[in-house]
Amino acid sequence: DRGRRRTHEKVTDWIKQLVDACAVPCVIAGLPRLDVLNEVND
């Protein structure tokens, strides 16, 4: 809702690094419009 494409790219990259570094199960929850993040970062 609050970010733009560049913000989405940076945050999704950060979350990927977090998931890799923690090596624990991760869940993302929210409304269906989260699909935009999947489109921004394969």
PDB file of all heavy atoms in Angstrom:
ATOM      1  N   ASP A   1       0.816  -1.219   0.000  1.00  0.00           N
ATOM      2  CA  ASP A   1       0.000   0.000   0.000  1.00  0.00           C
ATOM      3  C   ASP A   1       0.848   1.267   0.000  1.00  0.00           C
ATOM      4  O   ASP A   1       0.491   2.253  -0.626  1.00  0.00           O
ATOM      5  CB  ASP A   1      -0.915   0.027   1.225  1.00  0.00           C
ATOM      6  CG  ASP A   1      -1.951  -1.076   1.207  1.00  0.00           C
ATOM      7  OD1 ASP A   1      -2.169  -1.661   0.129  1.00  0.00           O
ATOM      8  OD2 ASP A   1      -2.529  -1.357   2.269  1.00  0.00           O
ATOM      9  N   ARG A   2       1.954   1.238   0.738  1.00  0.00           N
ATOM     10  CA  ARG A   2       2.714   2.470   0.952  1.00  0.00           C
ATOM     11  C   ARG A   2       3.978   2.567   0.120  1.00  0.00           C
ATOM     12  O   ARG A   2       4.575   3.619   0.026  1.00  0.00           O
ATOM     13  CB  ARG A   2       3.063   2.581   2.427  1.00  0.00           C
ATOM     14  CG  ARG A   2       1.810   2.712   3.252  1.00  0.00           C
ATOM     15  CD  ARG A   2       2.110   3.103   4.665  1.00  0.00           C
ATOM     16  NE  ARG A   2       0.852   3.249   5.385  1.00  0.00           N
ATOM     17  CZ  ARG A   2       0.453   2.480   6.371  1.00  0.00           C
ATOM     18  NH1 ARG A   2       1.221   1.515   6.794  1.00  0.00           N
ATOM     19  NH2 ARG A   2      -0.707   2.672   6.960  1.00  0.00           N
ATOM     20  N   GLY A   3       4.409   1.465  -0.453  1.00  0.00           N
ATOM     21  CA  GLY A   3       5.658   1.487  -1.201  1.00  0.00           C
ATOM     22  C   GLY A   3       5.438   1.577  -2.694  1.00  0.00           C
ATOM     23  O   GLY A   3       4.327   1.475  -3.194  1.00  0.00           O
ATOM     24  N   ARG A   4       6.534   1.775  -3.382  1.00  0.00           N
ATOM     25  CA  ARG A   4       6.539   1.753  -4.840  1.00  0.00           C
ATOM     26  C   ARG A   4       7.401   0.564  -5.277  1.00  0.00           C
ATOM     27  O   ARG A   4       7.976  -0.138  -4.461  1.00  0.00           O
ATOM     28  CB  ARG A   4       7.115   3.045  -5.389  1.00  0.00           C
ATOM     29  CG  ARG A   4       6.283   4.273  -5.038  1.00  0.00           C
ATOM     30  CD  ARG A   4       6.638   5.413  -5.962  1.00  0.00           C
ATOM     31  NE  ARG A   4       6.131   6.733  -5.745  1.00  0.00           N
ATOM     32  CZ  ARG A   4       4.974   7.135  -5.314  1.00  0.00           C
ATOM     33  NH1 ARG A   4       4.100   6.282  -4.949  1.00  0.00           N
ATOM     34  NH2 ARG A   4       4.651   8.398  -5.221  1.00  0.00           N
ATOM     35  N   ARG A   5       7.482   0.340  -6.559  1.00  0.00           N
ATOM     36  CA  ARG A   5       8.191  -0.830  -7.079  1.00  0.00           C
ATOM     37  C   ARG A   5       9.611  -0.936  -6.522  1.00  0.00           C
ATOM     38  O   ARG A   5      10.043  -2.001  -6.105  1.00  0.00           O
ATOM     39  CB  ARG A   5       8.223  -0.797  -8.605  1.00  0.00           C
ATOM     40  CG  ARG A   5       8.905  -2.010  -9.181  1.00  0.00           C
ATOM     41  CD  ARG A   5       8.874  -2.028 -10.688  1.00  0.00           C
ATOM     42  NE  ARG A   5       9.560  -3.182 -11.191  1.00  0.00           N
ATOM     43  CZ  ARG A   5       9.009  -4.369 -11.386  1.00  0.00           C
ATOM     44  NH1 ARG A   5       7.743  -4.554 -11.129  1.00  0.00           N
ATOM     45  NH2 ARG A   5       9.718  -5.373 -11.853  1.00  0.00           N
ATOM     46  N   ARG A   6      10.346   0.152  -6.475  1.00  0.00           N
ATOM     47  CA  ARG A   6      11.730   0.118  -5.988  1.00  0.00           C
ATOM     48  C   ARG A   6      11.769  -0.304  -4.510  1.00  0.00           C
ATOM     49  O   ARG A   6      12.621  -1.086  -4.094  1.00  0.00           O
ATOM     50  CB  ARG A   6      12.390   1.493  -6.166  1.00  0.00           C
ATOM     51  CG  ARG A   6      13.842   1.495  -5.806  1.00  0.00           C
ATOM     52  CD  ARG A   6      14.664   0.738  -6.851  1.00  0.00           C
ATOM     53  NE  ARG A   6      16.044   0.713  -6.437  1.00  0.00           N
ATOM     54  CZ  ARG A   6      16.804  -0.359  -6.443  1.00  0.00           C
ATOM     55  NH1 ARG A   6      16.328  -1.499  -6.885  1.00  0.00           N
ATOM     56  NH2 ARG A   6      18.045  -0.310  -6.045  1.00  0.00           N
ATOM     57  N   THR A   7      10.834   0.199  -3.728  1.00  0.00           N
ATOM     58  CA  THR A   7      10.736  -0.192  -2.318  1.00  0.00           C
ATOM     59  C   THR A   7      10.416  -1.675  -2.214  1.00  0.00           C
ATOM     60  O   THR A   7      11.016  -2.389  -1.397  1.00  0.00           O
ATOM     61  CB  THR A   7       9.643   0.623  -1.605  1.00  0.00           C
ATOM     62  OG1 THR A   7       9.933   2.001  -1.741  1.00  0.00           O
ATOM     63  CG2 THR A   7       9.545   0.257  -0.145  1.00  0.00           C
ATOM     64  N   HIS A   8       9.507  -2.148  -3.033  1.00  0.00           N
ATOM     65  CA  HIS A   8       9.135  -3.570  -3.018  1.00  0.00           C
ATOM     66  C   HIS A   8      10.352  -4.442  -3.328  1.00  0.00           C
ATOM     67  O   HIS A   8      10.559  -5.472  -2.694  1.00  0.00           O
ATOM     68  CB  HIS A   8       8.027  -3.849  -4.023  1.00  0.00           C
ATOM     69  CG  HIS A   8       6.764  -3.097  -3.754  1.00  0.00           C
ATOM     70  ND1 HIS A   8       5.798  -2.936  -4.707  1.00  0.00           N
ATOM     71  CD2 HIS A   8       6.318  -2.440  -2.658  1.00  0.00           C
ATOM     72  CE1 HIS A   8       4.795  -2.227  -4.210  1.00  0.00           C
ATOM     73  NE2 HIS A   8       5.096  -1.915  -2.968  1.00  0.00           N
ATOM     74  N   GLU A   9      11.154  -4.017  -4.304  1.00  0.00           N
ATOM     75  CA  GLU A   9      12.345  -4.779  -4.673  1.00  0.00           C
ATOM     76  C   GLU A   9      13.332  -4.849  -3.511  1.00  0.00           C
ATOM     77  O   GLU A   9      13.861  -5.912  -3.189  1.00  0.00           O
ATOM     78  CB  GLU A   9      13.018  -4.158  -5.894  1.00  0.00           C
ATOM     79  CG  GLU A   9      12.210  -4.307  -7.165  1.00  0.00           C
ATOM     80  CD  GLU A   9      12.764  -3.472  -8.312  1.00  0.00           C
ATOM     81  OE1 GLU A   9      13.710  -2.678  -8.096  1.00  0.00           O
ATOM     82  OE2 GLU A   9      12.231  -3.606  -9.424  1.00  0.00           O
ATOM     83  N   LYS A  10      13.585  -3.709  -2.872  1.00  0.00           N
ATOM     84  CA  LYS A  10      14.549  -3.676  -1.765  1.00  0.00           C
ATOM     85  C   LYS A  10      14.069  -4.502  -0.573  1.00  0.00           C
ATOM     86  O   LYS A  10      14.844  -5.248   0.035  1.00  0.00           O
ATOM     87  CB  LYS A  10      14.796  -2.234  -1.318  1.00  0.00           C
ATOM     88  CG  LYS A  10      15.659  -1.454  -2.274  1.00  0.00           C
ATOM     89  CD  LYS A  10      15.957  -0.073  -1.726  1.00  0.00           C
ATOM     90  CE  LYS A  10      16.927   0.652  -2.632  1.00  0.00           C
ATOM     91  NZ  LYS A  10      17.383   1.907  -2.054  1.00  0.00           N
ATOM     92  N   VAL A  11      12.797  -4.377  -0.235  1.00  0.00           N
ATOM     93  CA  VAL A  11      12.284  -5.099   0.927  1.00  0.00           C
ATOM     94  C   VAL A  11      12.222  -6.600   0.663  1.00  0.00           C
ATOM     95  O   VAL A  11      12.567  -7.394   1.540  1.00  0.00           O
ATOM     96  CB  VAL A  11      10.908  -4.547   1.359  1.00  0.00           C
ATOM     97  CG1 VAL A  11      10.281  -5.409   2.434  1.00  0.00           C
ATOM     98  CG2 VAL A  11      11.063  -3.117   1.852  1.00  0.00           C
ATOM     99  N   THR A  12      11.813  -7.000  -0.525  1.00  0.00           N
ATOM    100  CA  THR A  12      11.776  -8.438  -0.809  1.00  0.00           C
ATOM    101  C   THR A  12      13.182  -9.028  -0.802  1.00  0.00           C
ATOM    102  O   THR A  12      13.377 -10.146  -0.327  1.00  0.00           O
ATOM    103  CB  THR A  12      11.054  -8.751  -2.132  1.00  0.00           C
ATOM    104  OG1 THR A  12      11.638  -7.986  -3.197  1.00  0.00           O
ATOM    105  CG2 THR A  12       9.570  -8.457  -2.040  1.00  0.00           C
ATOM    106  N   ASP A  13      14.178  -8.277  -1.283  1.00  0.00           N
ATOM    107  CA  ASP A  13      15.560  -8.749  -1.201  1.00  0.00           C
ATOM    108  C   ASP A  13      16.001  -8.892   0.258  1.00  0.00           C
ATOM    109  O   ASP A  13      16.651  -9.866   0.625  1.00  0.00           O
ATOM    110  CB  ASP A  13      16.512  -7.803  -1.934  1.00  0.00           C
ATOM    111  CG  ASP A  13      16.465  -7.978  -3.441  1.00  0.00           C
ATOM    112  OD1 ASP A  13      16.021  -9.049  -3.908  1.00  0.00           O
ATOM    113  OD2 ASP A  13      16.877  -7.044  -4.153  1.00  0.00           O
ATOM    114  N   TRP A  14      15.634  -7.932   1.100  1.00  0.00           N
ATOM    115  CA  TRP A  14      15.990  -7.990   2.516  1.00  0.00           C
ATOM    116  C   TRP A  14      15.330  -9.199   3.187  1.00  0.00           C
ATOM    117  O   TRP A  14      15.968  -9.901   3.970  1.00  0.00           O
ATOM    118  CB  TRP A  14      15.589  -6.699   3.220  1.00  0.00           C
ATOM    119  CG  TRP A  14      15.920  -6.716   4.676  1.00  0.00           C
ATOM    120  CD1 TRP A  14      17.118  -6.427   5.237  1.00  0.00           C
ATOM    121  CD2 TRP A  14      15.044  -7.083   5.743  1.00  0.00           C
ATOM    122  NE1 TRP A  14      17.037  -6.582   6.606  1.00  0.00           N
ATOM    123  CE2 TRP A  14      15.781  -6.987   6.939  1.00  0.00           C
ATOM    124  CE3 TRP A  14      13.717  -7.477   5.809  1.00  0.00           C
ATOM    125  CZ2 TRP A  14      15.227  -7.273   8.185  1.00  0.00           C
ATOM    126  CZ3 TRP A  14      13.169  -7.764   7.043  1.00  0.00           C
ATOM    127  CH2 TRP A  14      13.917  -7.656   8.212  1.00  0.00           C
ATOM    128  N   ILE A  15      14.067  -9.436   2.881  1.00  0.00           N
ATOM    129  CA  ILE A  15      13.367 -10.583   3.482  1.00  0.00           C
ATOM    130  C   ILE A  15      14.012 -11.889   3.026  1.00  0.00           C
ATOM    131  O   ILE A  15      14.175 -12.817   3.819  1.00  0.00           O
ATOM    132  CB  ILE A  15      11.858 -10.549   3.151  1.00  0.00           C
ATOM    133  CG1 ILE A  15      11.202  -9.358   3.868  1.00  0.00           C
ATOM    134  CG2 ILE A  15      11.182 -11.851   3.554  1.00  0.00           C
ATOM    135  CD1 ILE A  15       9.772  -9.100   3.461  1.00  0.00           C
ATOM    136  N   LYS A  16      14.408 -11.983   1.766  1.00  0.00           N
ATOM    137  CA  LYS A  16      15.093 -13.185   1.279  1.00  0.00           C
ATOM    138  C   LYS A  16      16.379 -13.420   2.073  1.00  0.00           C
ATOM    139  O   LYS A  16      16.669 -14.547   2.471  1.00  0.00           O
ATOM    140  CB  LYS A  16      15.428 -13.062  -0.205  1.00  0.00           C
ATOM    141  CG  LYS A  16      14.243 -13.172  -1.122  1.00  0.00           C
ATOM    142  CD  LYS A  16      14.636 -13.211  -2.582  1.00  0.00           C
ATOM    143  CE  LYS A  16      15.699 -12.227  -2.942  1.00  0.00           C
ATOM    144  NZ  LYS A  16      16.023 -12.164  -4.360  1.00  0.00           N
ATOM    145  N   GLN A  17      17.148 -12.368   2.316  1.00  0.00           N
ATOM    146  CA  GLN A  17      18.387 -12.493   3.088  1.00  0.00           C
ATOM    147  C   GLN A  17      18.095 -12.930   4.520  1.00  0.00           C
ATOM    148  O   GLN A  17      18.811 -13.758   5.089  1.00  0.00           O
ATOM    149  CB  GLN A  17      19.162 -11.183   3.081  1.00  0.00           C
ATOM    150  CG  GLN A  17      19.718 -10.831   1.728  1.00  0.00           C
ATOM    151  CD  GLN A  17      20.352  -9.456   1.686  1.00  0.00           C
ATOM    152  OE1 GLN A  17      20.387  -8.734   2.673  1.00  0.00           O
ATOM    153  NE2 GLN A  17      20.852  -9.075   0.518  1.00  0.00           N
ATOM    154  N   LEU A  18      17.043 -12.381   5.111  1.00  0.00           N
ATOM    155  CA  LEU A  18      16.644 -12.749   6.468  1.00  0.00           C
ATOM    156  C   LEU A  18      16.295 -14.236   6.533  1.00  0.00           C
ATOM    157  O   LEU A  18      16.761 -14.950   7.425  1.00  0.00           O
ATOM    158  CB  LEU A  18      15.450 -11.913   6.919  1.00  0.00           C
ATOM    159  CG  LEU A  18      14.815 -12.294   8.249  1.00  0.00           C
ATOM    160  CD1 LEU A  18      15.739 -11.913   9.403  1.00  0.00           C
ATOM    161  CD2 LEU A  18      13.455 -11.620   8.410  1.00  0.00           C
ATOM    162  N   VAL A  19      15.504 -14.697   5.581  1.00  0.00           N
ATOM    163  CA  VAL A  19      15.080 -16.105   5.550  1.00  0.00           C
ATOM    164  C   VAL A  19      16.301 -17.017   5.420  1.00  0.00           C
ATOM    165  O   VAL A  19      16.419 -18.024   6.122  1.00  0.00           O
ATOM    166  CB  VAL A  19      14.076 -16.337   4.402  1.00  0.00           C
ATOM    167  CG1 VAL A  19      13.843 -17.812   4.162  1.00  0.00           C
ATOM    168  CG2 VAL A  19      12.774 -15.614   4.683  1.00  0.00           C
ATOM    169  N   ASP A  20      17.217 -16.664   4.539  1.00  0.00           N
ATOM    170  CA  ASP A  20      18.412 -17.480   4.343  1.00  0.00           C
ATOM    171  C   ASP A  20      19.294 -17.491   5.591  1.00  0.00           C
ATOM    172  O   ASP A  20      19.820 -18.525   5.979  1.00  0.00           O
ATOM    173  CB  ASP A  20      19.217 -16.978   3.144  1.00  0.00           C
ATOM    174  CG  ASP A  20      18.508 -17.207   1.824  1.00  0.00           C
ATOM    175  OD1 ASP A  20      17.553 -18.013   1.781  1.00  0.00           O
ATOM    176  OD2 ASP A  20      18.894 -16.562   0.829  1.00  0.00           O
ATOM    177  N   ALA A  21      19.450 -16.344   6.223  1.00  0.00           N
ATOM    178  CA  ALA A  21      20.328 -16.231   7.384  1.00  0.00           C
ATOM    179  C   ALA A  21      19.763 -16.948   8.611  1.00  0.00           C
ATOM    180  O   ALA A  21      20.516 -17.549   9.379  1.00  0.00           O
ATOM    181  CB  ALA A  21      20.587 -14.763   7.709  1.00  0.00           C
ATOM    182  N   CYS A  22      18.466 -16.888   8.790  1.00  0.00           N
ATOM    183  CA  CYS A  22      17.843 -17.476   9.985  1.00  0.00           C
ATOM    184  C   CYS A  22      17.700 -18.982   9.885  1.00  0.00           C
ATOM    185  O   CYS A  22      17.739 -19.672  10.902  1.00  0.00           O
ATOM    186  CB  CYS A  22      16.471 -16.855  10.218  1.00  0.00           C
ATOM    187  SG  CYS A  22      16.574 -15.135  10.710  1.00  0.00           S
ATOM    188  N   ALA A  23      17.482 -19.471   8.702  1.00  0.00           N
ATOM    189  CA  ALA A  23      17.310 -20.917   8.473  1.00  0.00           C
ATOM    190  C   ALA A  23      16.214 -21.512   9.349  1.00  0.00           C
ATOM    191  O   ALA A  23      16.351 -22.602   9.895  1.00  0.00           O
ATOM    192  CB  ALA A  23      18.627 -21.655   8.677  1.00  0.00           C
ATOM    193  N   VAL A  24      15.132 -20.769   9.520  1.00  0.00           N
ATOM    194  CA  VAL A  24      13.946 -21.264  10.226  1.00  0.00           C
ATOM    195  C   VAL A  24      12.737 -21.030   9.322  1.00  0.00           C
ATOM    196  O   VAL A  24      12.785 -20.198   8.417  1.00  0.00           O
ATOM    197  CB  VAL A  24      13.730 -20.563  11.596  1.00  0.00           C
ATOM    198  CG1 VAL A  24      14.883 -20.848  12.530  1.00  0.00           C
ATOM    199  CG2 VAL A  24      13.512 -19.081  11.429  1.00  0.00           C
ATOM    200  N   PRO A  25      11.643 -21.738   9.547  1.00  0.00           N
ATOM    201  CA  PRO A  25      10.452 -21.514   8.729  1.00  0.00           C
ATOM    202  C   PRO A  25       9.952 -20.076   8.852  1.00  0.00           C
ATOM    203  O   PRO A  25       9.971 -19.484   9.930  1.00  0.00           O
ATOM    204  CB  PRO A  25       9.424 -22.485   9.318  1.00  0.00           C
ATOM    205  CG  PRO A  25      10.226 -23.527  10.018  1.00  0.00           C
ATOM    206  CD  PRO A  25      11.448 -22.826  10.518  1.00  0.00           C
ATOM    207  N   CYS A  26       9.542 -19.520   7.722  1.00  0.00           N
ATOM    208  CA  CYS A  26       9.043 -18.142   7.680  1.00  0.00           C
ATOM    209  C   CYS A  26       7.686 -18.113   6.996  1.00  0.00           C
ATOM    210  O   CYS A  26       7.477 -18.793   5.997  1.00  0.00           O
ATOM    211  CB  CYS A  26      10.007 -17.243   6.935  1.00  0.00           C
ATOM    212  SG  CYS A  26      11.608 -17.112   7.734  1.00  0.00           S
ATOM    213  N   VAL A  27       6.805 -17.288   7.532  1.00  0.00           N
ATOM    214  CA  VAL A  27       5.457 -17.142   6.996  1.00  0.00           C
ATOM    215  C   VAL A  27       5.199 -15.661   6.771  1.00  0.00           C
ATOM    216  O   VAL A  27       5.529 -14.832   7.616  1.00  0.00           O
ATOM    217  CB  VAL A  27       4.403 -17.702   7.986  1.00  0.00           C
ATOM    218  CG1 VAL A  27       2.998 -17.442   7.483  1.00  0.00           C
ATOM    219  CG2 VAL A  27       4.634 -19.179   8.231  1.00  0.00           C
ATOM    220  N   ILE A  28       4.620 -15.356   5.624  1.00  0.00           N
ATOM    221  CA  ILE A  28       4.200 -13.986   5.334  1.00  0.00           C
ATOM    222  C   ILE A  28       2.680 -13.996   5.284  1.00  0.00           C
ATOM    223  O   ILE A  28       2.078 -14.827   4.600  1.00  0.00           O
ATOM    224  CB  ILE A  28       4.787 -13.492   4.010  1.00  0.00           C
ATOM    225  CG1 ILE A  28       6.284 -13.325   4.183  1.00  0.00           C
ATOM    226  CG2 ILE A  28       4.137 -12.205   3.569  1.00  0.00           C
ATOM    227  CD1 ILE A  28       6.975 -12.813   2.971  1.00  0.00           C
ATOM    228  N   ALA A  29       2.076 -13.075   6.013  1.00  0.00           N
ATOM    229  CA  ALA A  29       0.617 -13.032   6.081  1.00  0.00           C
ATOM    230  C   ALA A  29       0.128 -11.636   5.730  1.00  0.00           C
ATOM    231  O   ALA A  29       0.784 -10.639   6.012  1.00  0.00           O
ATOM    232  CB  ALA A  29       0.145 -13.412   7.482  1.00  0.00           C
ATOM    233  N   GLY A  30      -1.027 -11.598   5.109  1.00  0.00           N
ATOM    234  CA  GLY A  30      -1.631 -10.326   4.746  1.00  0.00           C
ATOM    235  C   GLY A  30      -2.757 -10.530   3.749  1.00  0.00           C
ATOM    236  O   GLY A  30      -3.175 -11.649   3.487  1.00  0.00           O
ATOM    237  N   LEU A  31      -3.209  -9.444   3.211  1.00  0.00           N
ATOM    238  CA  LEU A  31      -4.315  -9.472   2.254  1.00  0.00           C
ATOM    239  C   LEU A  31      -3.839  -9.933   0.877  1.00  0.00           C
ATOM    240  O   LEU A  31      -2.630  -9.898   0.589  1.00  0.00           O
ATOM    241  CB  LEU A  31      -4.947  -8.086   2.181  1.00  0.00           C
ATOM    242  CG  LEU A  31      -5.578  -7.600   3.496  1.00  0.00           C
ATOM    243  CD1 LEU A  31      -6.094  -6.177   3.354  1.00  0.00           C
ATOM    244  CD2 LEU A  31      -6.687  -8.528   3.954  1.00  0.00           C
ATOM    245  N   PRO A  32      -4.755 -10.369   0.019  1.00  0.00           N
ATOM    246  CA  PRO A  32      -4.379 -10.940  -1.282  1.00  0.00           C
ATOM    247  C   PRO A  32      -3.534 -10.036  -2.167  1.00  0.00           C
ATOM    248  O   PRO A  32      -2.820 -10.535  -3.041  1.00  0.00           O
ATOM    249  CB  PRO A  32      -5.731 -11.235  -1.944  1.00  0.00           C
ATOM    250  CG  PRO A  32      -6.669 -11.433  -0.822  1.00  0.00           C
ATOM    251  CD  PRO A  32      -6.196 -10.496   0.256  1.00  0.00           C
ATOM    252  N   ARG A  33      -3.551  -8.747  -1.950  1.00  0.00           N
ATOM    253  CA  ARG A  33      -2.756  -7.862  -2.814  1.00  0.00           C
ATOM    254  C   ARG A  33      -1.246  -8.050  -2.623  1.00  0.00           C
ATOM    255  O   ARG A  33      -0.442  -7.450  -3.326  1.00  0.00           O
ATOM    256  CB  ARG A  33      -3.165  -6.413  -2.657  1.00  0.00           C
ATOM    257  CG  ARG A  33      -3.110  -5.834  -1.291  1.00  0.00           C
ATOM    258  CD  ARG A  33      -3.655  -4.393  -1.315  1.00  0.00           C
ATOM    259  NE  ARG A  33      -3.724  -3.820   0.002  1.00  0.00           N
ATOM    260  CZ  ARG A  33      -4.788  -3.820   0.778  1.00  0.00           C
ATOM    261  NH1 ARG A  33      -5.905  -4.378   0.365  1.00  0.00           N
ATOM    262  NH2 ARG A  33      -4.771  -3.264   1.968  1.00  0.00           N
ATOM    263  N   LEU A  34      -0.860  -8.920  -1.708  1.00  0.00           N
ATOM    264  CA  LEU A  34       0.556  -9.253  -1.544  1.00  0.00           C
ATOM    265  C   LEU A  34       1.129  -9.923  -2.784  1.00  0.00           C
ATOM    266  O   LEU A  34       2.343 -10.000  -2.942  1.00  0.00           O
ATOM    267  CB  LEU A  34       0.747 -10.194  -0.353  1.00  0.00           C
ATOM    268  CG  LEU A  34       0.680  -9.569   1.016  1.00  0.00           C
ATOM    269  CD1 LEU A  34       0.829 -10.639   2.079  1.00  0.00           C
ATOM    270  CD2 LEU A  34       1.747  -8.532   1.183  1.00  0.00           C
ATOM    271  N   ASP A  35       0.287 -10.418  -3.667  1.00  0.00           N
ATOM    272  CA  ASP A  35       0.760 -11.057  -4.895  1.00  0.00           C
ATOM    273  C   ASP A  35       1.652 -10.124  -5.704  1.00  0.00           C
ATOM    274  O   ASP A  35       2.480 -10.591  -6.488  1.00  0.00           O
ATOM    275  CB  ASP A  35      -0.416 -11.528  -5.745  1.00  0.00           C
ATOM    276  CG  ASP A  35      -1.114 -12.735  -5.149  1.00  0.00           C
ATOM    277  OD1 ASP A  35      -0.499 -13.411  -4.301  1.00  0.00           O
ATOM    278  OD2 ASP A  35      -2.266 -12.992  -5.520  1.00  0.00           O
ATOM    279  N   VAL A  36       1.511  -8.832  -5.526  1.00  0.00           N
ATOM    280  CA  VAL A  36       2.359  -7.857  -6.215  1.00  0.00           C
ATOM    281  C   VAL A  36       3.832  -8.138  -5.914  1.00  0.00           C
ATOM    282  O   VAL A  36       4.689  -8.010  -6.790  1.00  0.00           O
ATOM    283  CB  VAL A  36       1.984  -6.414  -5.787  1.00  0.00           C
ATOM    284  CG1 VAL A  36       2.999  -5.404  -6.274  1.00  0.00           C
ATOM    285  CG2 VAL A  36       0.599  -6.072  -6.290  1.00  0.00           C
ATOM    286  N   LEU A  37       4.146  -8.544  -4.688  1.00  0.00           N
ATOM    287  CA  LEU A  37       5.533  -8.810  -4.315  1.00  0.00           C
ATOM    288  C   LEU A  37       6.108  -9.980  -5.096  1.00  0.00           C
ATOM    289  O   LEU A  37       7.282  -9.972  -5.454  1.00  0.00           O
ATOM    290  CB  LEU A  37       5.638  -9.065  -2.811  1.00  0.00           C
ATOM    291  CG  LEU A  37       5.190  -7.921  -1.912  1.00  0.00           C
ATOM    292  CD1 LEU A  37       5.360  -8.316  -0.457  1.00  0.00           C
ATOM    293  CD2 LEU A  37       5.936  -6.640  -2.216  1.00  0.00           C
ATOM    294  N   ASN A  38       5.296 -10.979  -5.380  1.00  0.00           N
ATOM    295  CA  ASN A  38       5.748 -12.120  -6.179  1.00  0.00           C
ATOM    296  C   ASN A  38       6.041 -11.694  -7.608  1.00  0.00           C
ATOM    297  O   ASN A  38       6.933 -12.239  -8.255  1.00  0.00           O
ATOM    298  CB  ASN A  38       4.714 -13.237  -6.172  1.00  0.00           C
ATOM    299  CG  ASN A  38       4.568 -13.871  -4.813  1.00  0.00           C
ATOM    300  OD1 ASN A  38       5.464 -13.792  -3.983  1.00  0.00           O
ATOM    301  ND2 ASN A  38       3.433 -14.490  -4.582  1.00  0.00           N
ATOM    302  N   GLU A  39       5.306 -10.732  -8.113  1.00  0.00           N
ATOM    303  CA  GLU A  39       5.516 -10.245  -9.473  1.00  0.00           C
ATOM    304  C   GLU A  39       6.781  -9.394  -9.567  1.00  0.00           C
ATOM    305  O   GLU A  39       7.469  -9.403 -10.580  1.00  0.00           O
ATOM    306  CB  GLU A  39       4.306  -9.430  -9.925  1.00  0.00           C
ATOM    307  CG  GLU A  39       3.041 -10.248 -10.023  1.00  0.00           C
ATOM    308  CD  GLU A  39       1.797  -9.400 -10.198  1.00  0.00           C
ATOM    309  OE1 GLU A  39       1.917  -8.183 -10.420  1.00  0.00           O
ATOM    310  OE2 GLU A  39       0.692  -9.962 -10.093  1.00  0.00           O
ATOM    311  N   VAL A  40       7.088  -8.661  -8.513  1.00  0.00           N
ATOM    312  CA  VAL A  40       8.250  -7.772  -8.499  1.00  0.00           C
ATOM    313  C   VAL A  40       9.552  -8.561  -8.393  1.00  0.00           C
ATOM    314  O   VAL A  40      10.556  -8.202  -8.985  1.00  0.00           O
ATOM    315  CB  VAL A  40       8.140  -6.769  -7.315  1.00  0.00           C
ATOM    316  CG1 VAL A  40       9.434  -6.030  -7.080  1.00  0.00           C
ATOM    317  CG2 VAL A  40       7.016  -5.795  -7.568  1.00  0.00           C
ATOM    318  N   ASN A  41       9.525  -9.651  -7.645  1.00  0.00           N
ATOM    319  CA  ASN A  41      10.751 -10.395  -7.365  1.00  0.00           C
ATOM    320  C   ASN A  41      10.463 -11.894  -7.502  1.00  0.00           C
ATOM    321  O   ASN A  41       9.865 -12.496  -6.620  1.00  0.00           O
ATOM    322  CB  ASN A  41      11.236 -10.053  -5.947  1.00  0.00           C
ATOM    323  CG  ASN A  41      12.610 -10.574  -5.659  1.00  0.00           C
ATOM    324  OD1 ASN A  41      12.976 -11.651  -6.098  1.00  0.00           O
ATOM    325  ND2 ASN A  41      13.371  -9.808  -4.903  1.00  0.00           N
ATOM    326  N   ASP A  42      10.916 -12.486  -8.591  1.00  0.00           N
ATOM    327  CA  ASP A  42      10.643 -13.900  -8.868  1.00  0.00           C
ATOM    328  C   ASP A  42      11.186 -14.823  -7.782  1.00  0.00           C
ATOM    329  O   ASP A  42      10.537 -15.792  -7.400  1.00  0.00           O
ATOM    330  CB  ASP A  42      11.235 -14.322 -10.217  1.00  0.00           C
ATOM    331  CG  ASP A  42      10.528 -13.679 -11.385  1.00  0.00           C
ATOM    332  OD1 ASP A  42       9.369 -13.247 -11.207  1.00  0.00           O
ATOM    333  OD2 ASP A  42      11.123 -13.606 -12.472  1.00  0.00           O
TER     334      ASP A  42
END
